[in-house]
Structures are given as C-alpha cells and as structure tokens.
Amino acid sequence: MTHSGNPFGQVLVALVTPMTADGEVDWPGVEKLIDACIQQGADGIVVTGTTGETSTLTDAEKLRLVEVGKDVAAGRAKIITGGGSNETAHAIDLYQKSEKAGADGIMIVTPYYNKPTQAGVLTHFRLIADSTDLPVIMYDIPGRTGIPLKYETILRLAKHPNILAVKDAKGDLSEVSRVLNQTDLMYFSGDDANVLPELAIGATGLIGVTANIASGPYRTIVDAVNRGDLAAATEQHKRLEPLVRAVMTHVPGTVAAKYILHGLGRISSPRVRLPLVGPEEWEAAVIEEELALVKDVDGVDFSNFRPDRNAAAGGALPKVPGTTR
C-alpha cells in the first residue's frame, strides 16, 4: 500500500500501561489515561511500547490495548502498536493481528538480544513491512536492543513503501539531518530531552514518555515549530526540562512516569511488573526534588502531588506470564 502524508500524528504518547496493585492491567485506568492524553493535545498514542512494558505483556493484552485505544480515541488520535518481537515470525503474527484489531500503524524495534547483523535487521524489517498494509515506524534504540539501525540500513529500508518513519532514540542529530536530506522518512524524537532539537532540524514530531503527564506543552512546542515560532517553542522546552529530568534520568521512564501519575491521582496504582520495580527511597527523593523545580507547565499542578513510596515499592508478578508466541 502507498501511504501519503503523515498517518501517525505529531504528538505521540509512549503510553504507560496502568496496572492494579497486583500487577494486572487496569483497563478502566487505561481508558482514562488515553482520553486525558488526547484531551490535552496528543494526536497519537503508542501502546505496548517500551514504556508500556511490552516485554511483560501477554499477546492478548497487547491486542486488547489496541482495541481499547481505538474505542477511546474514536478518531481523535491514531493508535500505533509497538513492541513486536525479537523473533521475526512472532512479530509478523502479532502485527497482523494488531492490524485486524484496528491499529493505525506499527512501530518495529530492532531485534534485541539476538544481535543480528545489519543484513538480519534489514530482512526482519522488510518481512514485517511486507506482511501488513499498515504504515511502519522503525524504532532505533541501541541502548536497549544492543544494536543500532545503521545509516546505510536506514537508507535501504526507506525504499520500502510501507516504511515511512523512524523513532530516534540514538541521539545522533548529524545522522538525523543526513537521513532527512537523503530520504522522505519522517523522524520522531524518542528521547524527551531532544524533542525541540530534533524538531528544529526537520523532525516531524515526538513519541514521548513525559507526554503521559503533560501532553499539552508538547502540542504547544510542535504547533510553535510548525508556524516557525522558535521562541515560543523554546519557552515550553525550558519549562518542561525539570519534568523531563525527573521522568527520564533516575529510574526507567516507565517507573518514574507511573510514580508521578499516581502521585497526581491520575492512575490508581504506580505498580510495574518485575523485573522492573518502583523507585527506592533515595530515588523517589531525587525525583521529588526535581519535581519541586517544575513551574508553569500547562496541565500539571504539583501543589496537589501526593507521592506514595510504599505503593510504588517492589514489582508485581502477574497471574499469566508474558508470552513469546
């Protein structure tokens, strides 16, 4: 299928998966969070990504997240499914089922743990993209997968009609510029601290963790860049900086985002699934110190922040383990 324009949106939230205290998916909480993010300005929701704890979700949970996302979005935002698998056959099956469940696009991560050559990466992406009519975002995050999407591989994959974009968590802005100059690929910042720098050199948008907490300011940044108002975008960037630092620096972004969302009363529990655990006392203290520096961020009122370190402590073992097939 030939895809025209931008089928993904610009302000995409890398959605956390709200869970109950015993580690089961909190489905009403999922609905509430998706709706809140869209109301604040998100036009895309990425479910079952890294931030959504894809590694410990079952395939059934991943597919239901797509279905719930579509129902809640009701045309107001695109629903992109992340995750995939480091087994090509499993990834193909999961993405085909996600397409039937209503996903608007897919995000394919480079195969983790296997450490294939670039030829293997190329084949993995091509076979998945061949297997679905959905538009594809390539997810380049070598810090988690152990391998990068090399420049030459990106250029080759850019020729596939379904592969339209890159989520960049590599942070090499010179490479981003080089690829943007030589392809029609869209870039989405996958590092919250680099959203404005990437937009300034031509990126399309962001797929952000901090956007779970504050989608509105990212909408403001993107809209300002779209109209060429760098000063307005920079002002929002500065206001968000301590919040981004609190979310992305001290513990995994999923852990910090859930801790903060729970403290704001937006999710019922800060629980994560093992091997992730909630912040230790000293980590929670540092996060709270960073949050004390957050001022004038639209949609976030930390005067009502009530952190619960006890509720966040430890991690959960769900009743049904995540599956690989």
Protein backbone atom coordinates (compact mmCIF):
# COMPACT_ATOMS: atom_id res chain seq x y z
CA MET A 1 0.00 0.00 0.00
CA THR A 2 1.22 3.52 -0.74
CA HIS A 3 0.79 5.87 2.21
CA SER A 4 0.63 9.61 1.67
CA GLY A 5 1.16 12.37 4.18
CA ASN A 6 1.62 11.67 7.88
CA PRO A 7 -0.58 8.78 9.10
CA PHE A 8 0.81 8.85 12.66
CA GLY A 9 0.23 12.33 14.12
CA GLN A 10 2.90 14.60 15.61
CA VAL A 11 2.42 14.49 19.40
CA LEU A 12 2.54 10.78 20.19
CA VAL A 13 2.43 9.48 23.75
CA ALA A 14 4.51 6.42 24.60
CA LEU A 15 1.72 5.22 26.84
CA VAL A 16 2.38 3.58 30.20
CA THR A 17 0.11 0.61 30.89
CA PRO A 18 -1.77 1.37 34.13
CA MET A 19 -1.93 -1.65 36.42
CA THR A 20 -3.61 -2.65 39.63
CA ALA A 21 -1.63 -3.18 42.83
CA ASP A 22 -1.28 -6.89 41.99
CA GLY A 23 0.11 -6.20 38.52
CA GLU A 24 -2.95 -6.85 36.36
CA VAL A 25 -3.82 -4.36 33.63
CA ASP A 26 -6.19 -1.69 34.95
CA TRP A 27 -8.45 -1.42 31.92
CA PRO A 28 -10.60 1.49 33.19
CA GLY A 29 -7.31 3.21 34.05
CA VAL A 30 -6.04 2.66 30.51
CA GLU A 31 -9.18 4.26 29.09
CA LYS A 32 -8.94 7.23 31.45
CA LEU A 33 -5.26 7.88 30.68
CA ILE A 34 -5.67 7.65 26.90
CA ASP A 35 -8.61 10.04 26.98
CA ALA A 36 -6.70 12.51 29.17
CA CYS A 37 -3.68 12.50 26.86
CA ILE A 38 -5.85 13.12 23.81
CA GLN A 39 -7.81 15.89 25.51
CA GLN A 40 -4.51 17.60 26.39
CA GLY A 41 -3.33 17.61 22.78
CA ALA A 42 -1.93 14.21 21.78
CA ASP A 43 -2.87 13.10 18.28
CA GLY A 44 -1.19 9.70 18.51
CA ILE A 45 -0.97 7.00 21.18
CA VAL A 46 1.70 4.30 21.09
CA VAL A 47 0.51 1.30 23.09
CA THR A 48 2.63 -1.73 24.03
CA GLY A 49 5.91 0.07 23.50
CA THR A 50 8.93 0.11 25.81
CA THR A 51 7.16 2.48 28.19
CA GLY A 52 4.06 0.28 28.09
CA GLU A 53 6.10 -2.66 29.50
CA THR A 54 5.74 -4.65 26.30
CA SER A 55 8.29 -7.25 27.47
CA THR A 56 5.97 -8.42 30.26
CA LEU A 57 2.61 -8.07 28.49
CA THR A 58 0.91 -11.11 27.00
CA ASP A 59 -0.04 -11.06 23.34
CA ALA A 60 -3.70 -11.00 24.37
CA GLU A 61 -3.09 -7.90 26.48
CA LYS A 62 -1.26 -6.21 23.62
CA LEU A 63 -4.13 -6.80 21.22
CA ARG A 64 -6.72 -5.62 23.73
CA LEU A 65 -4.71 -2.43 24.28
CA VAL A 66 -5.07 -1.73 20.57
CA GLU A 67 -8.81 -2.38 20.72
CA VAL A 68 -9.32 -0.24 23.83
CA GLY A 69 -7.18 2.52 22.35
CA LYS A 70 -9.26 2.60 19.18
CA ASP A 71 -12.51 2.71 21.13
CA VAL A 72 -11.36 5.54 23.38
CA ALA A 73 -9.68 7.56 20.63
CA ALA A 74 -12.79 7.34 18.46
CA GLY A 75 -10.98 9.00 15.57
CA ARG A 76 -9.40 11.76 17.67
CA ALA A 77 -5.91 10.19 17.60
CA LYS A 78 -4.04 7.43 15.83
CA ILE A 79 -3.32 4.19 17.68
CA ILE A 80 0.14 2.80 16.97
CA THR A 81 1.20 -0.59 18.30
CA GLY A 82 4.80 -1.02 19.41
CA GLY A 83 6.59 -3.92 20.96
CA GLY A 84 6.88 -6.52 18.29
CA SER A 85 9.33 -9.31 19.00
CA ASN A 86 12.96 -10.29 18.51
CA GLU A 87 11.60 -13.34 16.65
CA THR A 88 10.58 -12.31 13.15
CA ALA A 89 7.79 -14.88 12.81
CA HIS A 90 6.26 -13.87 16.11
CA ALA A 91 6.49 -10.19 15.23
CA ILE A 92 4.72 -10.78 11.90
CA ASP A 93 1.92 -12.69 13.61
CA LEU A 94 1.47 -10.06 16.30
CA TYR A 95 1.41 -7.13 13.87
CA GLN A 96 -1.04 -8.88 11.54
CA LYS A 97 -3.35 -9.48 14.49
CA SER A 98 -2.88 -5.87 15.59
CA GLU A 99 -3.93 -4.71 12.13
CA LYS A 100 -7.13 -6.77 12.42
CA ALA A 101 -7.66 -5.28 15.90
CA GLY A 102 -7.70 -1.81 14.36
CA ALA A 103 -4.18 -0.43 14.73
CA ASP A 104 -3.44 2.60 12.56
CA GLY A 105 0.28 1.88 12.35
CA ILE A 106 3.08 -0.26 13.76
CA MET A 107 6.41 0.53 15.37
CA ILE A 108 9.09 -2.11 14.84
CA VAL A 109 12.04 -2.25 17.22
CA THR A 110 15.40 -3.62 16.11
CA PRO A 111 15.71 -7.25 17.30
CA TYR A 112 17.04 -7.22 20.85
CA TYR A 113 19.26 -9.85 22.48
CA ASN A 114 19.87 -11.80 19.24
CA LYS A 115 22.30 -9.10 17.97
CA PRO A 116 21.81 -9.88 14.26
CA THR A 117 23.99 -8.34 11.57
CA GLN A 118 22.60 -5.40 9.63
CA ALA A 119 21.60 -7.88 6.93
CA GLY A 120 19.46 -9.65 9.52
CA VAL A 121 17.97 -6.36 10.70
CA LEU A 122 17.17 -5.41 7.11
CA THR A 123 15.42 -8.73 6.49
CA HIS A 124 13.50 -8.52 9.79
CA PHE A 125 12.08 -5.09 8.95
CA ARG A 126 11.36 -5.89 5.32
CA LEU A 127 9.48 -9.12 6.04
CA ILE A 128 7.35 -7.43 8.70
CA ALA A 129 6.61 -4.46 6.45
CA ASP A 130 5.69 -6.88 3.63
CA SER A 131 3.25 -8.70 5.90
CA THR A 132 0.93 -5.77 6.64
CA ASP A 133 -0.64 -2.79 4.88
CA LEU A 134 -0.07 -0.58 7.91
CA PRO A 135 2.47 2.26 7.84
CA VAL A 136 5.67 1.49 9.74
CA ILE A 137 7.84 3.42 12.17
CA MET A 138 11.33 1.97 12.63
CA TYR A 139 12.46 2.15 16.27
CA ASP A 140 16.18 2.82 16.66
CA ILE A 141 17.19 2.42 20.31
CA PRO A 142 20.60 0.72 20.58
CA GLY A 143 20.86 1.40 24.31
CA ARG A 144 18.12 -1.19 24.86
CA THR A 145 18.50 -3.54 21.91
CA GLY A 146 22.28 -3.75 21.73
CA ILE A 147 22.41 -2.85 18.02
CA PRO A 148 21.79 0.33 16.04
CA LEU A 149 19.98 0.88 12.81
CA LYS A 150 22.99 1.96 10.79
CA TYR A 151 22.75 4.81 8.33
CA GLU A 152 23.15 2.57 5.30
CA THR A 153 20.43 0.23 6.56
CA ILE A 154 18.04 3.12 7.14
CA LEU A 155 18.56 4.31 3.55
CA ARG A 156 17.81 0.85 2.19
CA LEU A 157 14.71 0.43 4.34
CA ALA A 158 13.47 3.89 3.35
CA LYS A 159 12.78 2.47 -0.13
CA HIS A 160 10.05 0.16 1.22
CA PRO A 161 6.62 1.69 0.50
CA ASN A 162 5.24 0.90 3.96
CA ILE A 163 8.26 2.17 5.95
CA LEU A 164 7.64 5.85 6.49
CA ALA A 165 9.34 6.93 9.71
CA VAL A 166 11.99 6.48 12.36
CA LYS A 167 11.64 6.82 16.11
CA ASP A 168 15.10 8.03 17.03
CA ALA A 169 16.44 7.18 20.48
CA LYS A 170 20.05 7.16 19.29
CA GLY A 171 20.51 10.90 19.63
CA ASP A 172 22.86 11.39 16.68
CA LEU A 173 21.49 14.65 15.29
CA SER A 174 24.02 14.78 12.47
CA GLU A 175 22.79 11.40 11.23
CA VAL A 176 19.19 12.56 11.55
CA SER A 177 19.98 15.55 9.33
CA ARG A 178 21.79 13.34 6.85
CA VAL A 179 18.87 10.90 6.55
CA LEU A 180 16.33 13.73 6.29
CA ASN A 181 18.37 15.20 3.44
CA GLN A 182 18.52 11.93 1.53
CA THR A 183 15.11 10.31 2.13
CA ASP A 184 11.44 11.15 2.62
CA LEU A 185 11.39 9.48 6.04
CA MET A 186 9.70 11.23 8.94
CA TYR A 187 11.59 11.39 12.22
CA PHE A 188 10.06 11.23 15.68
CA SER A 189 12.16 12.10 18.70
CA GLY A 190 12.38 9.11 21.03
CA ASP A 191 14.32 10.97 23.70
CA ASP A 192 12.26 13.54 25.60
CA ALA A 193 15.24 15.84 26.13
CA ASN A 194 15.86 16.04 22.36
CA VAL A 195 12.33 16.86 21.19
CA LEU A 196 12.98 20.51 20.34
CA PRO A 197 16.49 19.97 18.88
CA GLU A 198 15.15 17.28 16.53
CA LEU A 199 12.12 19.33 15.53
CA ALA A 200 14.43 22.27 14.84
CA ILE A 201 16.33 20.27 12.20
CA GLY A 202 13.25 18.90 10.50
CA ALA A 203 11.76 16.09 12.58
CA THR A 204 8.01 15.55 12.33
CA GLY A 205 7.15 15.03 15.99
CA LEU A 206 7.81 13.04 19.12
CA ILE A 207 6.97 9.77 20.82
CA GLY A 208 7.33 10.83 24.43
CA VAL A 209 7.21 9.36 27.91
CA THR A 210 6.80 12.69 29.71
CA ALA A 211 3.79 13.30 27.46
CA ASN A 212 1.86 10.84 29.67
CA ILE A 213 2.00 13.58 32.29
CA ALA A 214 1.98 16.70 30.13
CA SER A 215 0.81 16.30 26.54
CA GLY A 216 -0.28 19.93 26.26
CA PRO A 217 3.16 21.56 26.32
CA TYR A 218 4.38 19.20 23.60
CA ARG A 219 1.40 20.22 21.49
CA THR A 220 2.44 23.82 22.07
CA ILE A 221 6.05 23.08 21.05
CA VAL A 222 5.04 21.25 17.89
CA ASP A 223 2.50 23.90 16.87
CA ALA A 224 5.05 26.66 17.50
CA VAL A 225 7.68 24.91 15.36
CA ASN A 226 5.09 24.35 12.63
CA ARG A 227 4.49 28.11 12.42
CA GLY A 228 8.18 28.99 12.74
CA ASP A 229 8.00 30.43 16.26
CA LEU A 230 11.19 29.09 17.81
CA ALA A 231 10.98 31.47 20.78
CA ALA A 232 7.60 30.08 21.89
CA ALA A 233 8.82 26.51 21.42
CA THR A 234 11.97 27.21 23.40
CA GLU A 235 9.98 28.68 26.28
CA GLN A 236 7.94 25.49 26.60
CA HIS A 237 11.10 23.39 26.29
CA LYS A 238 12.63 25.26 29.23
CA ARG A 239 9.53 24.81 31.37
CA LEU A 240 9.48 21.07 30.65
CA GLU A 241 13.18 20.49 31.31
CA PRO A 242 12.98 19.67 35.06
CA LEU A 243 9.96 17.42 34.49
CA VAL A 244 11.79 15.58 31.71
CA ARG A 245 14.78 15.18 34.01
CA ALA A 246 12.58 13.79 36.78
CA VAL A 247 10.98 11.26 34.43
CA MET A 248 13.93 10.17 32.32
CA THR A 249 17.09 10.38 34.44
CA HIS A 250 16.98 8.48 37.71
CA VAL A 251 14.96 5.29 37.10
CA PRO A 252 13.41 3.79 33.95
CA GLY A 253 10.94 6.20 32.40
CA THR A 254 8.06 3.80 32.91
CA VAL A 255 8.75 3.63 36.65
CA ALA A 256 9.07 7.38 37.12
CA ALA A 257 6.07 8.21 34.94
CA LYS A 258 3.83 5.83 36.89
CA TYR A 259 5.14 7.14 40.20
CA ILE A 260 4.33 10.71 39.16
CA LEU A 261 0.97 9.90 37.56
CA HIS A 262 -0.10 8.09 40.73
CA GLY A 263 1.05 10.99 42.90
CA LEU A 264 -1.10 13.30 40.77
CA GLY A 265 -4.11 10.99 41.19
CA ARG A 266 -4.29 10.10 37.51
CA ILE A 267 -3.76 6.34 37.84
CA SER A 268 -4.88 4.07 40.67
CA SER A 269 -1.52 2.41 41.32
CA PRO A 270 2.15 3.04 40.42
CA ARG A 271 2.75 -0.72 40.10
CA VAL A 272 5.14 -2.09 37.46
CA ARG A 273 5.82 -5.71 36.57
CA LEU A 274 9.03 -7.45 37.51
CA PRO A 275 11.89 -7.22 36.80
CA LEU A 276 11.00 -3.51 36.94
CA VAL A 277 10.49 -2.24 40.46
CA GLY A 278 9.34 1.06 41.90
CA PRO A 279 11.86 3.69 42.95
CA GLU A 280 13.87 3.08 46.09
CA GLU A 281 13.62 5.68 48.85
CA TRP A 282 16.60 7.70 47.66
CA GLU A 283 15.47 7.53 44.04
CA ALA A 284 11.98 8.71 44.96
CA ALA A 285 13.51 11.57 46.95
CA VAL A 286 15.58 12.71 43.97
CA ILE A 287 12.55 12.54 41.66
CA GLU A 288 10.57 14.65 44.10
CA GLU A 289 13.40 17.19 44.33
CA GLU A 290 13.34 17.55 40.54
CA LEU A 291 9.56 17.97 40.54
CA ALA A 292 9.87 20.80 43.04
CA LEU A 293 11.60 22.77 40.26
CA VAL A 294 8.69 22.37 37.82
CA LYS A 295 6.89 25.66 37.32
CA ASP A 296 4.12 26.79 34.99
CA VAL A 297 3.74 23.58 33.00
CA ASP A 298 0.29 23.57 31.43
CA GLY A 299 -1.97 20.77 32.63
CA VAL A 300 0.16 19.80 35.64
CA ASP A 301 -0.42 21.04 39.18
CA PHE A 302 2.20 19.69 41.55
CA SER A 303 0.70 21.53 44.51
CA ASN A 304 -1.62 18.51 44.66
CA PHE A 305 1.19 15.97 44.24
CA ARG A 306 0.89 13.18 46.83
CA PRO A 307 3.60 10.58 46.22
CA ASP A 308 3.21 7.14 47.79
CA ARG A 309 6.58 5.44 48.09
CA ASN A 310 5.10 2.40 49.80
CA ALA A 311 2.58 1.78 47.00
CA ALA A 312 5.37 2.06 44.42
CA ALA A 313 7.83 -0.23 46.19
CA GLY A 314 8.75 -3.55 44.59
CA GLY A 315 7.27 -5.08 41.45
CA ALA A 316 4.44 -7.42 40.57
CA LEU A 317 4.28 -10.99 39.29
CA PRO A 318 1.14 -11.19 37.13
CA LYS A 319 -1.06 -14.28 37.10
CA VAL A 320 -0.30 -15.02 33.44
CA PRO A 321 3.29 -14.54 32.26
CA GLY A 322 4.12 -12.65 29.11
CA THR A 323 4.25 -14.98 26.13
CA THR A 324 6.69 -15.27 23.27
CA ARG A 325 4.25 -16.92 20.90
